[in-house]
Amino acid sequence: MESLNQQFIEAATLMIAGMVFVFAFLGLLVVFINMVLVPLSKKFPDPQPVQKSTIRKPAQVQGIQPNVVAAISAAVANFRQKHNKE
C-alpha cells in the first residue's frame, strides 16, 4: 500500500510541476510577443479608414412626376393604336 501512495504523490507532484511549467511558458510567450509587437505597431501603424464623402440625395417626391406620367400615357396610347389595327 505504501508503494501505491508513493506513486500517487509522485504523479501529483509531476502533474503540478508540468502545469506550472506550461503556465510559466505561456506567460513568457505572451510577454515576448507583446515586446515584439509594440515596436512593430509603432513602425507600421494601422491604416486609417478612408471617410466616404456624404452625398445627400434629394428628398423623394411623393407620387410620380408629371412628365413620367405623360411619357407612360403616350407609350400606352401608341401601343394600343398599333395593336388595335391588326
PDB file of N, CA and C in Angstrom:
ATOM      1  N   MET A   1       0.817  -1.190   0.000  1.00  0.00           N
ATOM      2  CA  MET A   1       0.000   0.000   0.000  1.00  0.00           C
ATOM      3  C   MET A   1       0.866   1.261   0.000  1.00  0.00           C
ATOM      4  N   GLU A   2       1.980   1.175   0.690  1.00  0.00           N
ATOM      5  CA  GLU A   2       2.903   2.306   0.772  1.00  0.00           C
ATOM      6  C   GLU A   2       3.414   2.685  -0.620  1.00  0.00           C
ATOM      7  N   SER A   3       3.653   1.714  -1.435  1.00  0.00           N
ATOM      8  CA  SER A   3       4.158   1.957  -2.775  1.00  0.00           C
ATOM      9  C   SER A   3       3.122   2.686  -3.636  1.00  0.00           C
ATOM     10  N   LEU A   4       1.840   2.316  -3.488  1.00  0.00           N
ATOM     11  CA  LEU A   4       0.776   2.953  -4.265  1.00  0.00           C
ATOM     12  C   LEU A   4       0.614   4.413  -3.858  1.00  0.00           C
ATOM     13  N   ASN A   5       0.651   4.692  -2.551  1.00  0.00           N
ATOM     14  CA  ASN A   5       0.562   6.076  -2.091  1.00  0.00           C
ATOM     15  C   ASN A   5       1.749   6.890  -2.586  1.00  0.00           C
ATOM     16  N   GLN A   6       2.904   6.317  -2.557  1.00  0.00           N
ATOM     17  CA  GLN A   6       4.107   6.999  -3.025  1.00  0.00           C
ATOM     18  C   GLN A   6       4.001   7.313  -4.522  1.00  0.00           C
ATOM     19  N   GLN A   7       3.434   6.403  -5.294  1.00  0.00           N
ATOM     20  CA  GLN A   7       3.262   6.638  -6.731  1.00  0.00           C
ATOM     21  C   GLN A   7       2.250   7.754  -6.985  1.00  0.00           C
ATOM     22  N   PHE A   8       1.156   7.790  -6.201  1.00  0.00           N
ATOM     23  CA  PHE A   8       0.175   8.868  -6.354  1.00  0.00           C
ATOM     24  C   PHE A   8       0.794  10.222  -6.013  1.00  0.00           C
ATOM     25  N   ILE A   9       1.583  10.282  -4.976  1.00  0.00           N
ATOM     26  CA  ILE A   9       2.235  11.535  -4.595  1.00  0.00           C
ATOM     27  C   ILE A   9       3.215  11.970  -5.683  1.00  0.00           C
ATOM     28  N   GLU A  10       3.963  11.033  -6.207  1.00  0.00           N
ATOM     29  CA  GLU A  10       4.904  11.355  -7.279  1.00  0.00           C
ATOM     30  C   GLU A  10       4.168  11.814  -8.540  1.00  0.00           C
ATOM     31  N   ALA A  11       3.043  11.175  -8.865  1.00  0.00           N
ATOM     32  CA  ALA A  11       2.253  11.563 -10.041  1.00  0.00           C
ATOM     33  C   ALA A  11       1.667  12.960  -9.858  1.00  0.00           C
ATOM     34  N   ALA A  12       1.149  13.253  -8.664  1.00  0.00           N
ATOM     35  CA  ALA A  12       0.583  14.576  -8.403  1.00  0.00           C
ATOM     36  C   ALA A  12       1.667  15.645  -8.466  1.00  0.00           C
ATOM     37  N   THR A  13       2.821  15.354  -7.923  1.00  0.00           N
ATOM     38  CA  THR A  13       3.935  16.307  -7.970  1.00  0.00           C
ATOM     39  C   THR A  13       4.363  16.566  -9.407  1.00  0.00           C
ATOM     40  N   LEU A  14       4.455  15.520 -10.188  1.00  0.00           N
ATOM     41  CA  LEU A  14       4.834  15.664 -11.593  1.00  0.00           C
ATOM     42  C   LEU A  14       3.775  16.451 -12.370  1.00  0.00           C
ATOM     43  N   MET A  15       2.491  16.195 -12.072  1.00  0.00           N
ATOM     44  CA  MET A  15       1.410  16.908 -12.751  1.00  0.00           C
ATOM     45  C   MET A  15       1.453  18.395 -12.406  1.00  0.00           C
ATOM     46  N   ILE A  16       1.634  18.719 -11.143  1.00  0.00           N
ATOM     47  CA  ILE A  16       1.679  20.126 -10.732  1.00  0.00           C
ATOM     48  C   ILE A  16       2.904  20.813 -11.327  1.00  0.00           C
ATOM     49  N   ALA A  17       4.029  20.121 -11.341  1.00  0.00           N
ATOM     50  CA  ALA A  17       5.239  20.699 -11.938  1.00  0.00           C
ATOM     51  C   ALA A  17       5.025  20.959 -13.431  1.00  0.00           C
ATOM     52  N   GLY A  18       4.380  20.046 -14.115  1.00  0.00           N
ATOM     53  CA  GLY A  18       4.097  20.235 -15.541  1.00  0.00           C
ATOM     54  C   GLY A  18       3.153  21.397 -15.784  1.00  0.00           C
ATOM     55  N   MET A  19       2.127  21.523 -14.947  1.00  0.00           N
ATOM     56  CA  MET A  19       1.176  22.624 -15.103  1.00  0.00           C
ATOM     57  C   MET A  19       1.850  23.969 -14.842  1.00  0.00           C
ATOM     58  N   VAL A  20       2.716  24.029 -13.839  1.00  0.00           N
ATOM     59  CA  VAL A  20       3.444  25.270 -13.552  1.00  0.00           C
ATOM     60  C   VAL A  20       4.373  25.605 -14.715  1.00  0.00           C
ATOM     61  N   PHE A  21       5.038  24.611 -15.261  1.00  0.00           N
ATOM     62  CA  PHE A  21       5.931  24.845 -16.400  1.00  0.00           C
ATOM     63  C   PHE A  21       5.159  25.388 -17.604  1.00  0.00           C
ATOM     64  N   VAL A  22       4.017  24.789 -17.918  1.00  0.00           N
ATOM     65  CA  VAL A  22       3.215  25.239 -19.067  1.00  0.00           C
ATOM     66  C   VAL A  22       2.696  26.650 -18.827  1.00  0.00           C
ATOM     67  N   PHE A  23       2.207  26.927 -17.614  1.00  0.00           N
ATOM     68  CA  PHE A  23       1.700  28.259 -17.297  1.00  0.00           C
ATOM     69  C   PHE A  23       2.811  29.302 -17.427  1.00  0.00           C
ATOM     70  N   ALA A  24       3.992  28.991 -16.904  1.00  0.00           N
ATOM     71  CA  ALA A  24       5.119  29.923 -16.996  1.00  0.00           C
ATOM     72  C   ALA A  24       5.544  30.122 -18.449  1.00  0.00           C
ATOM     73  N   PHE A  25       5.581  29.050 -19.221  1.00  0.00           N
ATOM     74  CA  PHE A  25       5.960  29.159 -20.630  1.00  0.00           C
ATOM     75  C   PHE A  25       4.970  30.032 -21.398  1.00  0.00           C
ATOM     76  N   LEU A  26       3.681  29.818 -21.184  1.00  0.00           N
ATOM     77  CA  LEU A  26       2.682  30.621 -21.897  1.00  0.00           C
ATOM     78  C   LEU A  26       2.735  32.082 -21.460  1.00  0.00           C
ATOM     79  N   GLY A  27       2.967  32.321 -20.179  1.00  0.00           N
ATOM     80  CA  GLY A  27       3.104  33.699 -19.702  1.00  0.00           C
ATOM     81  C   GLY A  27       4.286  34.397 -20.344  1.00  0.00           C
ATOM     82  N   LEU A  28       5.424  33.709 -20.407  1.00  0.00           N
ATOM     83  CA  LEU A  28       6.596  34.293 -21.062  1.00  0.00           C
ATOM     84  C   LEU A  28       6.357  34.500 -22.552  1.00  0.00           C
ATOM     85  N   LEU A  29       5.621  33.612 -23.175  1.00  0.00           N
ATOM     86  CA  LEU A  29       5.308  33.756 -24.596  1.00  0.00           C
ATOM     87  C   LEU A  29       4.472  35.010 -24.842  1.00  0.00           C
ATOM     88  N   VAL A  30       3.483  35.254 -23.985  1.00  0.00           N
ATOM     89  CA  VAL A  30       2.650  36.457 -24.125  1.00  0.00           C
ATOM     90  C   VAL A  30       3.499  37.707 -23.938  1.00  0.00           C
ATOM     91  N   VAL A  31       4.363  37.714 -22.933  1.00  0.00           N
ATOM     92  CA  VAL A  31       5.230  38.873 -22.692  1.00  0.00           C
ATOM     93  C   VAL A  31       6.159  39.090 -23.884  1.00  0.00           C
ATOM     94  N   PHE A  32       6.750  38.035 -24.403  1.00  0.00           N
ATOM     95  CA  PHE A  32       7.660  38.161 -25.540  1.00  0.00           C
ATOM     96  C   PHE A  32       6.937  38.687 -26.782  1.00  0.00           C
ATOM     97  N   ILE A  33       5.755  38.174 -27.046  1.00  0.00           N
ATOM     98  CA  ILE A  33       5.001  38.635 -28.223  1.00  0.00           C
ATOM     99  C   ILE A  33       4.649  40.108 -28.082  1.00  0.00           C
ATOM    100  N   ASN A  34       4.243  40.535 -26.885  1.00  0.00           N
ATOM    101  CA  ASN A  34       3.936  41.951 -26.683  1.00  0.00           C
ATOM    102  C   ASN A  34       5.178  42.817 -26.838  1.00  0.00           C
ATOM    103  N   MET A  35       6.327  42.329 -26.386  1.00  0.00           N
ATOM    104  CA  MET A  35       7.564  43.097 -26.539  1.00  0.00           C
ATOM    105  C   MET A  35       7.935  43.252 -28.013  1.00  0.00           C
ATOM    106  N   VAL A  36       7.625  42.277 -28.821  1.00  0.00           N
ATOM    107  CA  VAL A  36       7.926  42.352 -30.252  1.00  0.00           C
ATOM    108  C   VAL A  36       6.900  43.222 -30.974  1.00  0.00           C
ATOM    109  N   LEU A  37       5.648  43.147 -30.567  1.00  0.00           N
ATOM    110  CA  LEU A  37       4.598  43.854 -31.293  1.00  0.00           C
ATOM    111  C   LEU A  37       4.576  45.355 -31.022  1.00  0.00           C
ATOM    112  N   VAL A  38       4.997  45.798 -29.856  1.00  0.00           N
ATOM    113  CA  VAL A  38       4.954  47.232 -29.552  1.00  0.00           C
ATOM    114  C   VAL A  38       5.821  48.029 -30.523  1.00  0.00           C
ATOM    115  N   PRO A  39       7.095  47.680 -30.736  1.00  0.00           N
ATOM    116  CA  PRO A  39       7.875  48.450 -31.713  1.00  0.00           C
ATOM    117  C   PRO A  39       7.344  48.304 -33.143  1.00  0.00           C
ATOM    118  N   LEU A  40       6.852  47.118 -33.476  1.00  0.00           N
ATOM    119  CA  LEU A  40       6.328  46.927 -34.833  1.00  0.00           C
ATOM    120  C   LEU A  40       5.066  47.747 -35.067  1.00  0.00           C
ATOM    121  N   SER A  41       4.222  47.867 -34.052  1.00  0.00           N
ATOM    122  CA  SER A  41       2.990  48.636 -34.238  1.00  0.00           C
ATOM    123  C   SER A  41       3.291  50.124 -34.369  1.00  0.00           C
ATOM    124  N   LYS A  42       4.392  50.584 -33.775  1.00  0.00           N
ATOM    125  CA  LYS A  42       4.772  51.986 -33.954  1.00  0.00           C
ATOM    126  C   LYS A  42       5.379  52.211 -35.336  1.00  0.00           C
ATOM    127  N   LYS A  43       6.098  51.211 -35.834  1.00  0.00           N
ATOM    128  CA  LYS A  43       6.731  51.342 -37.147  1.00  0.00           C
ATOM    129  C   LYS A  43       5.717  51.180 -38.278  1.00  0.00           C
ATOM    130  N   PHE A  44       4.765  50.272 -38.106  1.00  0.00           N
ATOM    131  CA  PHE A  44       3.748  50.008 -39.123  1.00  0.00           C
ATOM    132  C   PHE A  44       2.363  50.217 -38.515  1.00  0.00           C
ATOM    133  N   PRO A  45       1.894  51.453 -38.408  1.00  0.00           N
ATOM    134  CA  PRO A  45       0.572  51.674 -37.796  1.00  0.00           C
ATOM    135  C   PRO A  45      -0.545  51.189 -38.714  1.00  0.00           C
ATOM    136  N   ASP A  46      -1.690  50.951 -38.119  1.00  0.00           N
ATOM    137  CA  ASP A  46      -2.856  50.539 -38.899  1.00  0.00           C
ATOM    138  C   ASP A  46      -3.276  51.680 -39.809  1.00  0.00           C
ATOM    139  N   PRO A  47      -3.635  51.382 -41.048  1.00  0.00           N
ATOM    140  CA  PRO A  47      -4.088  52.452 -41.941  1.00  0.00           C
ATOM    141  C   PRO A  47      -5.418  53.017 -41.457  1.00  0.00           C
ATOM    142  N   GLN A  48      -5.540  54.329 -41.560  1.00  0.00           N
ATOM    143  CA  GLN A  48      -6.778  54.980 -41.146  1.00  0.00           C
ATOM    144  C   GLN A  48      -7.841  54.739 -42.212  1.00  0.00           C
ATOM    145  N   PRO A  49      -9.051  54.420 -41.794  1.00  0.00           N
ATOM    146  CA  PRO A  49     -10.105  54.187 -42.788  1.00  0.00           C
ATOM    147  C   PRO A  49     -10.433  55.478 -43.537  1.00  0.00           C
ATOM    148  N   VAL A  50     -10.656  55.332 -44.823  1.00  0.00           N
ATOM    149  CA  VAL A  50     -10.986  56.473 -45.663  1.00  0.00           C
ATOM    150  C   VAL A  50     -12.442  56.832 -45.426  1.00  0.00           C
ATOM    151  N   GLN A  51     -12.658  58.102 -45.109  1.00  0.00           N
ATOM    152  CA  GLN A  51     -14.026  58.536 -44.878  1.00  0.00           C
ATOM    153  C   GLN A  51     -14.683  58.840 -46.215  1.00  0.00           C
ATOM    154  N   LYS A  52     -15.814  58.237 -46.411  1.00  0.00           N
ATOM    155  CA  LYS A  52     -16.545  58.468 -47.649  1.00  0.00           C
ATOM    156  C   LYS A  52     -17.251  59.814 -47.552  1.00  0.00           C
ATOM    157  N   SER A  53     -17.233  60.541 -48.654  1.00  0.00           N
ATOM    158  CA  SER A  53     -17.936  61.813 -48.649  1.00  0.00           C
ATOM    159  C   SER A  53     -19.430  61.537 -48.615  1.00  0.00           C
ATOM    160  N   THR A  54     -20.092  62.314 -47.815  1.00  0.00           N
ATOM    161  CA  THR A  54     -21.530  62.105 -47.674  1.00  0.00           C
ATOM    162  C   THR A  54     -22.246  62.917 -48.741  1.00  0.00           C
ATOM    163  N   ILE A  55     -22.834  62.210 -49.664  1.00  0.00           N
ATOM    164  CA  ILE A  55     -23.608  62.844 -50.726  1.00  0.00           C
ATOM    165  C   ILE A  55     -25.069  62.734 -50.333  1.00  0.00           C
ATOM    166  N   ARG A  56     -25.666  63.872 -50.187  1.00  0.00           N
ATOM    167  CA  ARG A  56     -27.070  63.865 -49.789  1.00  0.00           C
ATOM    168  C   ARG A  56     -27.949  63.703 -51.017  1.00  0.00           C
ATOM    169  N   LYS A  57     -28.831  62.765 -50.911  1.00  0.00           N
ATOM    170  CA  LYS A  57     -29.771  62.539 -52.001  1.00  0.00           C
ATOM    171  C   LYS A  57     -30.926  63.527 -51.837  1.00  0.00           C
ATOM    172  N   PRO A  58     -31.472  63.985 -52.947  1.00  0.00           N
ATOM    173  CA  PRO A  58     -32.614  64.888 -52.822  1.00  0.00           C
ATOM    174  C   PRO A  58     -33.797  64.147 -52.204  1.00  0.00           C
ATOM    175  N   ALA A  59     -34.600  64.897 -51.526  1.00  0.00           N
ATOM    176  CA  ALA A  59     -35.763  64.295 -50.885  1.00  0.00           C
ATOM    177  C   ALA A  59     -36.660  63.676 -51.948  1.00  0.00           C
ATOM    178  N   GLN A  60     -37.165  62.503 -51.645  1.00  0.00           N
ATOM    179  CA  GLN A  60     -38.013  61.821 -52.614  1.00  0.00           C
ATOM    180  C   GLN A  60     -39.345  62.557 -52.745  1.00  0.00           C
ATOM    181  N   VAL A  61     -39.751  62.677 -53.976  1.00  0.00           N
ATOM    182  CA  VAL A  61     -41.021  63.325 -54.260  1.00  0.00           C
ATOM    183  C   VAL A  61     -42.114  62.280 -54.109  1.00  0.00           C
ATOM    184  N   GLN A  62     -43.144  62.647 -53.412  1.00  0.00           N
ATOM    185  CA  GLN A  62     -44.250  61.719 -53.242  1.00  0.00           C
ATOM    186  C   GLN A  62     -45.022  61.631 -54.556  1.00  0.00           C
ATOM    187  N   GLY A  63     -45.279  60.436 -55.005  1.00  0.00           N
ATOM    188  CA  GLY A  63     -46.018  60.231 -56.241  1.00  0.00           C
ATOM    189  C   GLY A  63     -45.097  60.218 -57.446  1.00  0.00           C
ATOM    190  N   ILE A  64     -45.694  60.135 -58.625  1.00  0.00           N
ATOM    191  CA  ILE A  64     -44.938  60.064 -59.870  1.00  0.00           C
ATOM    192  C   ILE A  64     -44.919  61.450 -60.490  1.00  0.00           C
ATOM    193  N   GLN A  65     -43.791  61.815 -61.054  1.00  0.00           N
ATOM    194  CA  GLN A  65     -43.659  63.134 -61.668  1.00  0.00           C
ATOM    195  C   GLN A  65     -44.542  63.211 -62.911  1.00  0.00           C
ATOM    196  N   PRO A  66     -45.063  64.395 -63.187  1.00  0.00           N
ATOM    197  CA  PRO A  66     -45.994  64.542 -64.326  1.00  0.00           C
ATOM    198  C   PRO A  66     -45.379  64.185 -65.676  1.00  0.00           C
ATOM    199  N   ASN A  67     -44.107  64.480 -65.894  1.00  0.00           N
ATOM    200  CA  ASN A  67     -43.516  64.154 -67.199  1.00  0.00           C
ATOM    201  C   ASN A  67     -43.382  62.643 -67.377  1.00  0.00           C
ATOM    202  N   VAL A  68     -43.207  61.895 -66.275  1.00  0.00           N
ATOM    203  CA  VAL A  68     -43.156  60.435 -66.362  1.00  0.00           C
ATOM    204  C   VAL A  68     -44.545  59.897 -66.689  1.00  0.00           C
ATOM    205  N   VAL A  69     -45.564  60.462 -66.069  1.00  0.00           N
ATOM    206  CA  VAL A  69     -46.942  60.035 -66.350  1.00  0.00           C
ATOM    207  C   VAL A  69     -47.283  60.300 -67.814  1.00  0.00           C
ATOM    208  N   ALA A  70     -46.847  61.452 -68.327  1.00  0.00           N
ATOM    209  CA  ALA A  70     -47.120  61.782 -69.730  1.00  0.00           C
ATOM    210  C   ALA A  70     -46.412  60.804 -70.665  1.00  0.00           C
ATOM    211  N   ALA A  71     -45.171  60.442 -70.356  1.00  0.00           N
ATOM    212  CA  ALA A  71     -44.435  59.509 -71.208  1.00  0.00           C
ATOM    213  C   ALA A  71     -45.080  58.132 -71.190  1.00  0.00           C
ATOM    214  N   ILE A  72     -45.519  57.674 -70.035  1.00  0.00           N
ATOM    215  CA  ILE A  72     -46.169  56.364 -69.946  1.00  0.00           C
ATOM    216  C   ILE A  72     -47.496  56.380 -70.696  1.00  0.00           C
ATOM    217  N   SER A  73     -48.240  57.460 -70.534  1.00  0.00           N
ATOM    218  CA  SER A  73     -49.532  57.560 -71.236  1.00  0.00           C
ATOM    219  C   SER A  73     -49.343  57.547 -72.746  1.00  0.00           C
ATOM    220  N   ALA A  74     -48.328  58.261 -73.224  1.00  0.00           N
ATOM    221  CA  ALA A  74     -48.066  58.291 -74.664  1.00  0.00           C
ATOM    222  C   ALA A  74     -47.652  56.908 -75.156  1.00  0.00           C
ATOM    223  N   ALA A  75     -46.842  56.186 -74.383  1.00  0.00           N
ATOM    224  CA  ALA A  75     -46.409  54.856 -74.789  1.00  0.00           C
ATOM    225  C   ALA A  75     -47.580  53.886 -74.815  1.00  0.00           C
ATOM    226  N   VAL A  76     -48.470  53.971 -73.836  1.00  0.00           N
ATOM    227  CA  VAL A  76     -49.636  53.078 -73.801  1.00  0.00           C
ATOM    228  C   VAL A  76     -50.558  53.387 -74.971  1.00  0.00           C
ATOM    229  N   ALA A  77     -50.775  54.671 -75.247  1.00  0.00           N
ATOM    230  CA  ALA A  77     -51.641  55.050 -76.368  1.00  0.00           C
ATOM    231  C   ALA A  77     -51.048  54.570 -77.689  1.00  0.00           C
ATOM    232  N   ASN A  78     -49.748  54.710 -77.850  1.00  0.00           N
ATOM    233  CA  ASN A  78     -49.083  54.258 -79.071  1.00  0.00           C
ATOM    234  C   ASN A  78     -49.212  52.742 -79.214  1.00  0.00           C
ATOM    235  N   PHE A  79     -49.025  52.001 -78.118  1.00  0.00           N
ATOM    236  CA  PHE A  79     -49.142  50.545 -78.143  1.00  0.00           C
ATOM    237  C   PHE A  79     -50.558  50.127 -78.539  1.00  0.00           C
ATOM    238  N   ARG A  80     -51.547  50.782 -77.961  1.00  0.00           N
ATOM    239  CA  ARG A  80     -52.944  50.425 -78.260  1.00  0.00           C
ATOM    240  C   ARG A  80     -53.296  50.712 -79.717  1.00  0.00           C
ATOM    241  N   GLN A  81     -52.773  51.826 -80.255  1.00  0.00           N
ATOM    242  CA  GLN A  81     -53.064  52.154 -81.652  1.00  0.00           C
ATOM    243  C   GLN A  81     -52.465  51.110 -82.593  1.00  0.00           C
ATOM    244  N   LYS A  82     -51.255  50.670 -82.311  1.00  0.00           N
ATOM    245  CA  LYS A  82     -50.599  49.703 -83.179  1.00  0.00           C
ATOM    246  C   LYS A  82     -51.276  48.342 -83.113  1.00  0.00           C
ATOM    247  N   HIS A  83     -51.735  47.920 -81.965  1.00  0.00           N
ATOM    248  CA  HIS A  83     -52.291  46.583 -81.816  1.00  0.00           C
ATOM    249  C   HIS A  83     -53.790  46.520 -82.112  1.00  0.00           C
ATOM    250  N   ASN A  84     -54.474  47.640 -82.108  1.00  0.00           N
ATOM    251  CA  ASN A  84     -55.899  47.628 -82.459  1.00  0.00           C
ATOM    252  C   ASN A  84     -56.099  47.560 -83.968  1.00  0.00           C
ATOM    253  N   LYS A  85     -55.138  48.008 -84.771  1.00  0.00           N
ATOM    254  CA  LYS A  85     -55.252  47.992 -86.226  1.00  0.00           C
ATOM    255  C   LYS A  85     -55.160  46.577 -86.772  1.00  0.00           C
ATOM    256  N   GLU A  86     -54.478  45.709 -86.095  1.00  0.00           N
ATOM    257  CA  GLU A  86     -54.252  44.359 -86.612  1.00  0.00           C
ATOM    258  C   GLU A  86     -55.401  43.476 -86.423  1.00  0.00           C
TER     259      GLU A  86
END
